[in-house]
């Protein structure tokens, strides 16, 4: 195990880990990043090994970007899991691929839960606003709206 100094520019934390990537992940896992309303966050972590005296070995410094997805919102209650679906009539798109739109080198996939009406949006060509890196995967959730709730009530009567 090696001792590393990890920072995102806001806080420095010493972490003992088997690798710089593991240290960066532990740094993010141990932080309080708040619940990001807008979806996935990318935390850029600088990881610098420390020598026996606790001095940074700067020539071995590494930079890691750790993906932090938002927690999936609750469905109708704590016990119910979402049932994500892609109904063409509600989400649009192509009939053979409803709820999907091209986006850069990837796609945006929009799904709705048949139980609560909330939406899940996955972007397979997302961009990190901090450094402009593209081609990332992001997820975000949107609250149910009148259209999705009407769609659910029609499902229940079928």
Protein backbone atom coordinates (compact mmCIF):
# COMPACT_ATOMS: atom_id res chain seq x y z
CA UNK A 1 0.00 0.00 0.00
CA UNK A 2 1.15 3.50 -0.78
CA UNK A 3 0.21 6.77 0.91
CA UNK A 4 -1.17 9.38 -1.50
CA UNK A 5 -2.22 12.99 -1.22
CA UNK A 6 -5.52 13.44 -3.06
CA UNK A 7 -7.20 16.73 -3.92
CA UNK A 8 -9.87 18.16 -6.17
CA UNK A 9 -8.49 21.64 -5.52
CA UNK A 10 -10.76 22.20 -2.53
CA UNK A 11 -9.52 19.72 0.09
CA UNK A 12 -6.36 17.65 0.53
CA UNK A 13 -6.74 14.18 2.02
CA UNK A 14 -4.06 11.55 2.63
CA UNK A 15 -5.26 8.09 1.56
CA UNK A 16 -3.50 4.76 1.74
CA UNK A 17 -4.33 2.63 -1.30
CA UNK A 18 -2.98 0.00 -3.69
CA UNK A 19 -3.04 2.34 -6.71
CA UNK A 20 -3.55 6.01 -7.62
CA UNK A 21 -6.91 5.19 -9.21
CA UNK A 22 -8.07 3.42 -6.04
CA UNK A 23 -6.95 6.44 -3.98
CA UNK A 24 -8.92 8.80 -6.27
CA UNK A 25 -12.03 6.59 -5.95
CA UNK A 26 -11.70 6.51 -2.14
CA UNK A 27 -11.32 10.30 -2.13
CA UNK A 28 -14.60 10.69 -4.02
CA UNK A 29 -16.38 7.96 -2.04
CA UNK A 30 -15.42 9.69 1.22
CA UNK A 31 -16.55 13.16 0.14
CA UNK A 32 -19.84 14.98 0.49
CA UNK A 33 -20.59 16.10 -3.03
CA UNK A 34 -24.25 16.89 -2.44
CA UNK A 35 -27.04 15.41 -4.49
CA UNK A 36 -26.55 16.80 -7.97
CA UNK A 37 -29.95 17.75 -9.34
CA UNK A 38 -28.67 17.91 -12.88
CA UNK A 39 -27.27 14.41 -13.03
CA UNK A 40 -23.86 12.85 -13.27
CA UNK A 41 -20.86 14.71 -11.90
CA UNK A 42 -17.24 14.14 -12.82
CA UNK A 43 -14.78 14.78 -10.01
CA UNK A 44 -11.22 15.54 -11.18
CA UNK A 45 -8.76 14.28 -8.56
CA UNK A 46 -5.03 14.94 -8.44
CA UNK A 47 -3.24 11.99 -6.80
CA UNK A 48 0.34 12.43 -5.64
CA UNK A 49 2.31 9.67 -3.88
CA UNK A 50 4.09 10.56 -0.66
CA UNK A 51 7.56 9.39 0.36
CA UNK A 52 8.48 8.00 3.81
CA UNK A 53 8.80 11.56 5.22
CA UNK A 54 5.38 12.57 3.87
CA UNK A 55 6.75 14.70 1.01
CA UNK A 56 4.97 14.65 -2.33
CA UNK A 57 6.69 12.87 -5.21
CA UNK A 58 5.45 15.33 -7.84
CA UNK A 59 6.97 13.57 -10.86
CA UNK A 60 4.66 10.60 -10.12
CA UNK A 61 1.52 12.75 -9.83
CA UNK A 62 -1.53 11.41 -11.69
CA UNK A 63 -4.91 12.89 -12.60
CA UNK A 64 -8.09 10.82 -12.41
CA UNK A 65 -11.67 11.68 -13.27
CA UNK A 66 -14.16 9.78 -11.14
CA UNK A 67 -17.77 9.49 -12.29
CA UNK A 68 -20.43 10.15 -9.67
CA UNK A 69 -23.96 9.26 -10.83
CA UNK A 70 -26.98 10.60 -8.95
CA UNK A 71 -28.98 8.23 -6.78
CA UNK A 72 -32.03 6.82 -8.50
CA UNK A 73 -35.10 8.59 -7.07
CA UNK A 74 -37.69 6.63 -5.13
CA UNK A 75 -40.53 5.17 -7.11
CA UNK A 76 -44.04 5.13 -5.60
CA UNK A 77 -42.64 3.95 -2.24
CA UNK A 78 -39.42 2.64 -0.70
CA UNK A 79 -40.16 -0.97 -1.72
CA UNK A 80 -41.11 -0.49 -5.37
CA UNK A 81 -38.47 -0.58 -8.10
CA UNK A 82 -38.78 1.49 -11.25
CA UNK A 83 -39.96 -0.24 -14.41
CA UNK A 84 -38.26 1.88 -17.11
CA UNK A 85 -39.95 1.66 -20.52
CA UNK A 86 -39.80 3.51 -23.85
CA UNK A 87 -43.35 3.99 -25.14
CA UNK A 88 -43.35 5.61 -28.58
CA UNK A 89 -46.66 7.40 -27.98
CA UNK A 90 -45.26 9.26 -24.97
CA UNK A 91 -41.57 9.68 -25.80
CA UNK A 92 -41.53 9.94 -29.59
CA UNK A 93 -38.44 9.13 -31.62
CA UNK A 94 -38.50 6.38 -34.21
CA UNK A 95 -41.14 3.68 -33.87
CA UNK A 96 -38.45 1.00 -34.05
CA UNK A 97 -36.32 2.84 -31.43
CA UNK A 98 -38.62 5.00 -29.28
CA UNK A 99 -37.17 7.52 -26.86
CA UNK A 100 -33.74 7.53 -28.52
CA UNK A 101 -32.11 10.47 -30.32
CA UNK A 102 -28.65 10.83 -31.84
CA UNK A 103 -26.24 13.06 -29.91
CA UNK A 104 -22.67 13.65 -31.10
CA UNK A 105 -20.97 10.26 -31.21
CA UNK A 106 -23.67 8.65 -29.08
CA UNK A 107 -27.35 8.79 -28.21
CA UNK A 108 -29.72 10.20 -25.63
CA UNK A 109 -32.07 7.54 -24.28
CA UNK A 110 -35.23 8.73 -22.55
CA UNK A 111 -37.35 6.25 -20.57
CA UNK A 112 -40.35 6.57 -18.28
CA UNK A 113 -41.34 4.49 -15.26
CA UNK A 114 -44.65 2.67 -15.69
CA UNK A 115 -45.29 2.92 -11.93
CA UNK A 116 -44.54 6.54 -10.96
CA UNK A 117 -44.14 8.43 -14.26
CA UNK A 118 -40.62 9.74 -13.55
CA UNK A 119 -38.14 9.94 -16.41
CA UNK A 120 -34.61 8.58 -16.71
CA UNK A 121 -32.35 10.18 -19.32
CA UNK A 122 -29.05 8.55 -20.29
CA UNK A 123 -26.61 10.42 -22.54
CA UNK A 124 -23.91 8.21 -24.02
CA UNK A 125 -22.01 11.23 -25.41
CA UNK A 126 -22.04 13.56 -22.42
CA UNK A 127 -19.49 16.29 -21.79
CA UNK A 128 -17.69 17.16 -18.57
CA UNK A 129 -18.32 20.91 -18.12
CA UNK A 130 -15.13 21.27 -16.06
CA UNK A 131 -12.67 20.23 -18.77
CA UNK A 132 -14.70 19.71 -21.98
CA UNK A 133 -14.02 15.96 -22.19
CA UNK A 134 -16.64 14.33 -24.43
CA UNK A 135 -17.82 10.78 -24.96
CA UNK A 136 -18.78 10.24 -21.34
CA UNK A 137 -21.94 8.56 -20.03
CA UNK A 138 -24.31 10.57 -17.87
CA UNK A 139 -27.66 9.91 -16.25
CA UNK A 140 -30.29 12.26 -14.85
CA UNK A 141 -33.85 11.96 -13.64
CA UNK A 142 -36.88 14.17 -14.15
CA UNK A 143 -40.07 14.29 -12.14
CA UNK A 144 -43.31 12.90 -13.52
CA UNK A 145 -45.39 15.34 -15.51
CA UNK A 146 -49.02 15.49 -16.58
CA UNK A 147 -48.31 13.54 -19.78
CA UNK A 148 -46.56 10.63 -18.04
CA UNK A 149 -49.18 10.45 -15.30
CA UNK A 150 -51.98 10.39 -17.91
CA UNK A 151 -50.09 7.63 -19.74
CA UNK A 152 -49.89 5.57 -16.52
CA UNK A 153 -53.59 5.99 -15.82
CA UNK A 154 -54.38 4.72 -19.34
CA UNK A 155 -52.14 1.69 -18.72
CA UNK A 156 -54.03 0.90 -15.53
CA UNK A 157 -57.39 0.88 -17.35
CA UNK A 158 -56.20 -1.44 -20.12
